[in-house]
Protein backbone atom coordinates (compact mmCIF):
# COMPACT_ATOMS: atom_id res chain seq x y z
CA MET A 1 85.16 -152.80 148.19
CA SER A 2 84.21 -151.56 144.72
CA ASP A 3 80.56 -151.07 143.85
CA LEU A 4 80.64 -153.97 141.37
CA SER A 5 81.73 -156.40 144.10
CA LYS A 6 78.51 -155.90 146.08
CA PRO A 7 76.47 -159.10 146.65
CA ILE A 8 73.47 -157.84 144.63
CA PHE A 9 75.58 -158.07 141.48
CA HIS A 10 76.61 -161.69 142.10
CA ASP A 11 73.74 -163.39 143.99
CA GLU A 12 70.30 -163.55 142.36
CA ALA A 13 68.41 -163.99 145.65
CA LYS A 14 70.07 -160.90 147.14
CA ALA A 15 69.47 -158.99 143.92
CA ARG A 16 65.75 -159.82 144.09
CA LYS A 17 65.50 -158.82 147.76
CA TRP A 18 67.27 -155.53 147.03
CA LEU A 19 64.99 -154.79 144.07
CA GLU A 20 61.90 -155.51 146.17
CA GLY A 21 63.10 -152.94 148.69
CA GLU A 22 63.63 -150.35 145.94
CA LEU A 23 60.34 -150.89 144.08
CA TRP A 24 58.19 -151.83 147.08
CA PRO A 25 59.28 -149.59 149.99
CA THR A 26 55.87 -150.01 151.68
CA GLY A 27 55.33 -153.67 150.85
CA PRO A 28 54.55 -155.82 147.78
CA VAL A 29 52.49 -154.08 145.10
CA CYS A 30 50.24 -156.30 142.98
CA PRO A 31 50.81 -155.45 139.29
CA HIS A 32 47.37 -156.86 138.44
CA CYS A 33 45.08 -154.89 140.77
CA GLY A 34 47.42 -152.36 142.39
CA VAL A 35 46.76 -153.38 146.00
CA ILE A 36 49.70 -152.61 148.30
CA ASP A 37 51.06 -154.91 151.02
CA GLU A 38 48.24 -157.42 150.73
CA ALA A 39 50.15 -160.40 149.36
CA THR A 40 51.49 -163.69 150.69
CA LEU A 41 54.96 -165.00 149.88
CA MET A 42 54.64 -168.51 148.42
CA LYS A 43 57.17 -170.79 150.14
CA GLY A 44 56.34 -174.17 148.66
CA LYS A 45 59.12 -176.21 147.03
CA SER A 46 57.31 -176.04 143.69
CA HIS A 47 57.16 -172.24 143.73
CA ARG A 48 59.87 -170.11 142.17
CA SER A 49 61.82 -167.67 144.31
CA GLY A 50 60.13 -164.39 145.14
CA LEU A 51 56.63 -165.50 144.09
CA TYR A 52 53.74 -163.75 145.84
CA GLN A 53 49.99 -164.26 145.65
CA CYS A 54 47.74 -161.23 145.95
CA ASN A 55 45.13 -161.66 148.69
CA ALA A 56 42.75 -159.33 146.83
CA CYS A 57 42.71 -160.66 143.25
CA ARG A 58 44.42 -164.04 143.95
CA GLN A 59 46.86 -163.51 141.07
CA PRO A 60 50.53 -164.60 141.42
CA PHE A 61 53.36 -162.15 140.75
CA THR A 62 57.01 -161.36 141.40
CA VAL A 63 58.84 -158.05 141.59
CA THR A 64 59.86 -158.36 137.93
CA VAL A 65 56.30 -158.61 136.53
CA GLY A 66 55.49 -155.53 134.45
CA THR A 67 59.14 -154.45 134.25
CA ILE A 68 61.86 -154.74 131.62
CA TYR A 69 63.08 -157.86 133.48
CA GLU A 70 59.81 -159.80 133.10
CA ARG A 71 60.23 -163.35 131.73
CA SER A 72 63.94 -162.78 131.17
CA LYS A 73 66.20 -165.82 131.31
CA ILE A 74 69.10 -163.57 132.31
CA SER A 75 69.69 -163.64 136.06
CA LEU A 76 68.51 -160.54 137.91
CA ASN A 77 71.95 -159.87 139.42
CA LYS A 78 73.39 -159.56 135.89
CA TRP A 79 70.64 -157.13 134.91
CA LEU A 80 71.53 -154.97 137.91
CA ALA A 81 75.25 -155.26 137.17
CA ALA A 82 74.73 -154.16 133.56
CA THR A 83 72.65 -151.21 134.75
CA HIS A 84 75.36 -150.21 137.23
CA LEU A 85 78.06 -150.37 134.56
CA MET A 86 76.06 -148.18 132.18
CA MET A 87 75.18 -145.66 134.90
CA ALA A 88 78.77 -145.45 136.17
CA SER A 89 80.35 -144.86 132.74
CA LYS A 90 80.17 -141.19 131.74
CA LYS A 91 80.53 -141.90 128.02
CA GLY A 92 78.70 -145.22 128.04
CA MET A 93 79.77 -148.84 127.86
CA SER A 94 79.61 -151.04 124.78
CA ALA A 95 77.66 -154.29 124.62
CA LEU A 96 80.92 -156.11 123.86
CA GLN A 97 82.49 -154.83 127.09
CA ILE A 98 79.42 -155.82 129.11
CA ASP A 99 79.51 -159.20 127.36
CA ARG A 100 83.12 -159.72 128.49
CA MET A 101 82.56 -158.53 132.05
CA LEU A 102 79.29 -160.36 132.77
CA GLY A 103 79.67 -163.48 130.64
CA LEU A 104 76.76 -162.76 128.28
CA SER A 105 76.66 -163.39 124.55
CA LYS A 106 77.11 -160.38 122.26
CA LYS A 107 73.47 -160.57 121.11
CA THR A 108 72.18 -160.85 124.69
CA ALA A 109 74.34 -157.97 125.94
CA TRP A 110 73.16 -155.78 123.03
CA PHE A 111 69.53 -156.53 123.90
CA VAL A 112 70.07 -155.93 127.63
CA CYS A 113 71.63 -152.53 126.91
CA HIS A 114 68.74 -151.48 124.67
CA ARG A 115 66.18 -152.56 127.24
CA ILE A 116 67.94 -150.47 129.88
CA ARG A 117 68.12 -147.47 127.51
CA GLU A 118 64.41 -147.80 126.79
CA SER A 119 63.70 -147.63 130.53
CA LEU A 120 65.57 -144.31 130.71
CA ARG A 121 63.32 -142.55 128.19
CA GLU A 122 61.11 -139.90 129.77
CA THR A 123 57.38 -140.57 129.45
CA LYS A 124 55.96 -137.35 130.98
CA PRO A 125 58.78 -134.79 130.90
CA GLU A 126 58.38 -131.55 132.79
CA LEU A 127 58.80 -128.24 130.98
CA LEU A 128 62.30 -126.77 131.04
CA GLY A 129 63.23 -123.24 132.09
CA GLY A 130 61.03 -120.72 133.80
CA GLU A 131 61.38 -117.27 135.32
CA ASP A 132 65.06 -116.25 135.68
CA LYS A 133 66.10 -119.53 134.02
CA ILE A 134 68.33 -119.80 130.94
CA VAL A 135 67.96 -122.61 128.41
CA GLU A 136 70.49 -123.07 125.61
CA MET A 137 69.53 -124.67 122.30
CA ASP A 138 71.69 -126.08 119.53
CA SER A 139 71.79 -128.91 117.01
CA THR A 140 74.51 -131.24 115.80
CA PHE A 141 75.04 -134.17 113.46
CA VAL A 142 75.65 -137.74 114.61
CA GLY A 143 77.14 -140.54 112.51
CA GLY A 144 78.43 -140.63 108.97
CA LYS A 145 81.79 -139.46 107.68
CA GLU A 146 83.33 -136.17 108.80
CA LYS A 147 83.83 -135.05 105.18
CA ASN A 148 80.05 -135.20 104.69
CA LYS A 149 79.13 -132.92 107.59
CA HIS A 150 78.02 -130.14 105.23
CA ALA A 151 75.91 -132.40 103.00
CA ARG A 152 72.65 -131.80 104.87
CA LYS A 153 70.96 -130.26 101.85
CA ARG A 154 71.55 -133.29 99.63
CA LYS A 155 70.46 -135.61 102.41
CA HIS A 156 67.12 -133.96 103.04
CA LEU A 157 66.33 -133.32 99.39
CA GLY A 158 66.75 -137.03 98.73
CA THR A 159 69.54 -136.50 96.19
CA GLY A 160 72.25 -138.30 98.08
CA GLY A 161 73.00 -138.79 101.74
CA ALA A 162 75.61 -137.70 104.21
CA GLY A 163 74.84 -140.66 106.47
CA LYS A 164 74.34 -138.25 109.35
CA GLU A 165 71.35 -137.65 111.60
CA GLU A 166 70.51 -134.26 113.08
CA VAL A 167 70.00 -134.04 116.83
CA MET A 168 68.65 -131.02 118.70
CA ALA A 169 69.16 -130.40 122.41
CA LEU A 170 67.83 -128.01 125.03
CA VAL A 171 70.00 -127.58 128.13
CA GLU A 172 68.94 -125.68 131.21
CA ARG A 173 71.96 -124.07 132.86
CA ASN A 174 72.82 -125.91 136.08
CA GLY A 175 69.89 -128.18 135.29
CA ARG A 176 68.56 -130.74 132.87
CA VAL A 177 69.05 -131.59 129.21
CA ARG A 178 66.50 -132.85 126.71
CA SER A 179 67.74 -134.03 123.33
CA MET A 180 65.74 -135.35 120.41
CA HIS A 181 66.31 -136.93 117.04
CA LEU A 182 64.04 -135.11 114.62
CA GLY A 183 64.64 -137.32 111.59
CA VAL A 184 64.57 -134.21 109.36
CA ALA A 185 66.58 -131.01 109.08
CA VAL A 186 66.10 -128.49 111.90
CA THR A 187 64.01 -125.65 110.48
CA ALA A 188 61.97 -122.78 111.90
CA LYS A 189 58.80 -124.68 110.96
CA ASN A 190 59.56 -127.76 113.04
CA LEU A 191 61.37 -125.91 115.85
CA LYS A 192 58.47 -123.70 116.89
CA PRO A 193 56.06 -126.44 118.10
CA ILE A 194 58.94 -128.23 119.86
CA LEU A 195 59.91 -125.14 121.83
CA LYS A 196 56.29 -124.39 122.66
CA ALA A 197 55.92 -127.93 124.02
CA GLN A 198 59.23 -128.05 125.92
CA LEU A 199 59.81 -124.58 127.41
CA LYS A 200 57.99 -122.39 129.90
CA ASP A 201 56.97 -119.04 128.42
CA GLU A 202 59.20 -116.88 130.63
CA THR A 203 62.42 -118.78 129.77
CA ARG A 204 65.46 -116.91 128.44
CA LEU A 205 66.51 -118.82 125.31
CA MET A 206 70.10 -118.65 124.06
CA THR A 207 71.44 -120.02 120.78
CA ASP A 208 74.12 -119.42 118.20
CA SER A 209 73.36 -117.45 115.04
CA ASP A 210 71.73 -120.32 113.10
CA ALA A 211 69.00 -118.65 111.04
CA ALA A 212 66.20 -121.06 112.01
CA MET A 213 66.95 -120.78 115.72
CA VAL A 214 67.22 -116.99 115.64
CA TYR A 215 63.94 -116.67 113.71
CA VAL A 216 61.98 -118.92 116.07
CA GLY A 217 63.66 -117.45 119.15
CA LYS A 218 62.55 -113.94 118.21
CA GLU A 219 59.00 -115.14 117.65
CA LEU A 220 58.91 -116.66 121.11
CA GLY A 221 60.50 -113.62 122.78
CA ARG A 222 63.33 -113.45 125.36
CA HIS A 223 65.88 -114.77 122.87
CA GLU A 224 69.59 -113.91 122.64
CA ALA A 225 72.26 -115.28 120.33
CA VAL A 226 76.04 -115.22 119.85
CA ASN A 227 77.50 -115.03 116.36
CA HIS A 228 80.10 -117.76 115.93
CA GLY A 229 80.64 -116.60 112.35
CA ILE A 230 82.47 -113.49 113.55
CA GLY A 231 84.27 -115.23 116.39
CA GLU A 232 81.80 -114.27 119.12
CA TYR A 233 81.33 -117.07 121.64
CA VAL A 234 80.50 -115.24 124.87
CA ARG A 235 78.81 -111.89 125.45
CA GLY A 236 78.15 -111.33 129.13
CA ASP A 237 76.04 -114.32 130.19
CA VAL A 238 74.98 -114.99 126.60
CA HIS A 239 76.56 -118.16 125.16
CA SER A 240 75.76 -121.70 124.05
CA ASN A 241 78.78 -123.35 125.69
CA THR A 242 76.68 -125.53 128.02
CA VAL A 243 74.78 -127.29 125.26
CA GLU A 244 77.97 -127.64 123.23
CA GLY A 245 79.59 -129.26 126.28
CA TYR A 246 76.76 -131.78 126.40
CA PHE A 247 77.20 -132.56 122.71
CA SER A 248 80.91 -133.05 123.32
CA ILE A 249 80.27 -135.75 125.94
CA MET A 250 77.60 -137.43 123.81
CA LYS A 251 79.64 -137.47 120.60
CA ARG A 252 82.84 -138.65 122.29
CA GLY A 253 80.84 -141.54 123.68
CA ILE A 254 79.13 -142.44 120.42
CA HIS A 255 82.32 -142.23 118.36
CA GLY A 256 84.71 -143.63 120.96
CA VAL A 257 82.58 -146.29 122.68
CA TYR A 258 79.78 -147.33 120.32
CA HIS A 259 81.50 -146.31 117.04
CA HIS A 260 78.23 -146.56 115.12
CA VAL A 261 74.64 -145.78 116.11
CA SER A 262 71.82 -146.56 113.69
CA GLN A 263 69.04 -144.09 112.94
CA GLN A 264 66.59 -146.71 114.26
CA HIS A 265 68.07 -146.75 117.77
CA LEU A 266 69.44 -143.20 118.07
CA LYS A 267 66.60 -142.06 120.35
CA ARG A 268 67.56 -144.71 122.93
CA TYR A 269 71.20 -143.67 122.98
CA LEU A 270 70.10 -140.06 123.45
CA ALA A 271 67.94 -141.15 126.40
CA GLU A 272 70.99 -142.80 127.94
CA TYR A 273 73.18 -139.70 127.63
CA ASP A 274 70.35 -137.41 128.76
CA PHE A 275 69.75 -139.46 131.90
CA ARG A 276 73.39 -139.57 132.98
CA TYR A 277 73.72 -135.83 132.38
CA ASN A 278 70.54 -135.08 134.32
CA GLU A 279 71.78 -137.21 137.23
CA ARG A 280 75.42 -136.13 137.11
CA SER A 281 77.98 -135.73 139.89
CA ALA A 282 77.89 -131.94 139.54
CA LEU A 283 74.29 -132.08 140.78
CA GLY A 284 75.30 -134.27 143.73
CA VAL A 285 74.31 -137.63 142.23
CA GLU A 286 76.97 -140.37 142.37
CA ASP A 287 77.05 -143.81 140.76
CA ALA A 288 75.01 -145.79 143.33
CA GLU A 289 72.27 -143.16 143.55
CA ARG A 290 72.20 -142.75 139.77
CA MET A 291 71.59 -146.48 139.40
CA ARG A 292 68.78 -146.36 141.97
CA LYS A 293 67.14 -143.46 140.15
CA SER A 294 67.36 -145.32 136.83
CA LEU A 295 65.10 -148.06 138.23
CA LYS A 296 62.12 -145.70 138.29
CA GLY A 297 61.69 -146.25 134.56
CA ILE A 298 61.78 -150.05 134.43
CA VAL A 299 58.06 -150.49 135.22
CA GLY A 300 55.68 -150.61 132.27
CA LYS A 301 58.36 -150.60 129.59
CA ARG A 302 58.74 -154.16 128.42
CA LEU A 303 60.70 -154.32 125.17
CA THR A 304 60.81 -157.61 123.28
CA TYR A 305 63.56 -158.56 120.87
CA THR A 306 61.31 -158.04 117.85
CA ASP A 307 60.30 -154.61 119.19
CA SER A 308 63.96 -153.62 119.49
CA ARG A 309 64.51 -154.60 115.85
CA GLY A 310 61.86 -152.12 114.71
CA VAL A 311 58.80 -154.40 114.51
CA ALA A 312 55.47 -153.18 115.84
CA ASP A 313 54.60 -154.33 119.36
CA SER A 314 51.19 -155.47 120.62
CA GLN A 315 50.05 -151.85 121.05
CA GLY A 316 50.96 -151.00 117.47
CA HIS A 317 53.97 -148.86 118.37
CA THR A 318 57.09 -149.16 116.26
CA TRP A 319 60.49 -148.43 117.74
CA ASN A 320 62.18 -147.10 114.59
CA ASP A 321 59.90 -144.06 114.13
């Protein structure tokens, strides 16, 4: 039996029961007051499935309240199926493909995918590296035409655009990746605070010979670089092949699966690729476990359709920053 044929992907009641077990391993948790396992399941005919009432604050709730699934008209089993498909596809899965497989409209599938990507974004990331740890750093361009890949100067001076966005990534060898869309050219000025905020002080940092990265790396100490300009790609254990391998997976997915990613939503696509890489098979995480781990981020990250289009939400945040 394939993973996608499991009952939780086809029966909403079973999907809800499964989700309750994942989010509430010690009993129902009231999203209003936080009390654990002090709720009564409402069984009346007029009550919707999975409705509980908290015995402490008397407020009703279901397992989807406070999650990305709250108030969704899409059945919960389809939400879980879409999550499974995205977590099981190394290079990603397009909204059109999910539309065809799950019977959703193109617009609905697009929104579902963005909600899931938003849930994968780290809120309190741990620092990378540490003593005896190596972190590789590099940047690349996403989008636009290949012939414009050297037009960064025009783009950032406002005298014409390459249609490309610069992405920087930090990859810990045999560990995690953290990529970010800076929105501006990668320079020594904007790299330094990022590295200070993302890396532990004793980390060995490895890059190529990009001037900005070399300059900042030397300022931070414990920096080594390979010079691609003279054909040097590996010198002992010094190389940037790991981060370039990550970029290869990410760019093959964006160009081959999604074809086009807007500047507005790029950060969400990066979160998707980061998560799958951080929970990859090489680290002992397979499809079913990767899907389970992805659910940790669904709480407290409601994303409405207007939010996903770049309109400010009720807290004043905009999603196209």
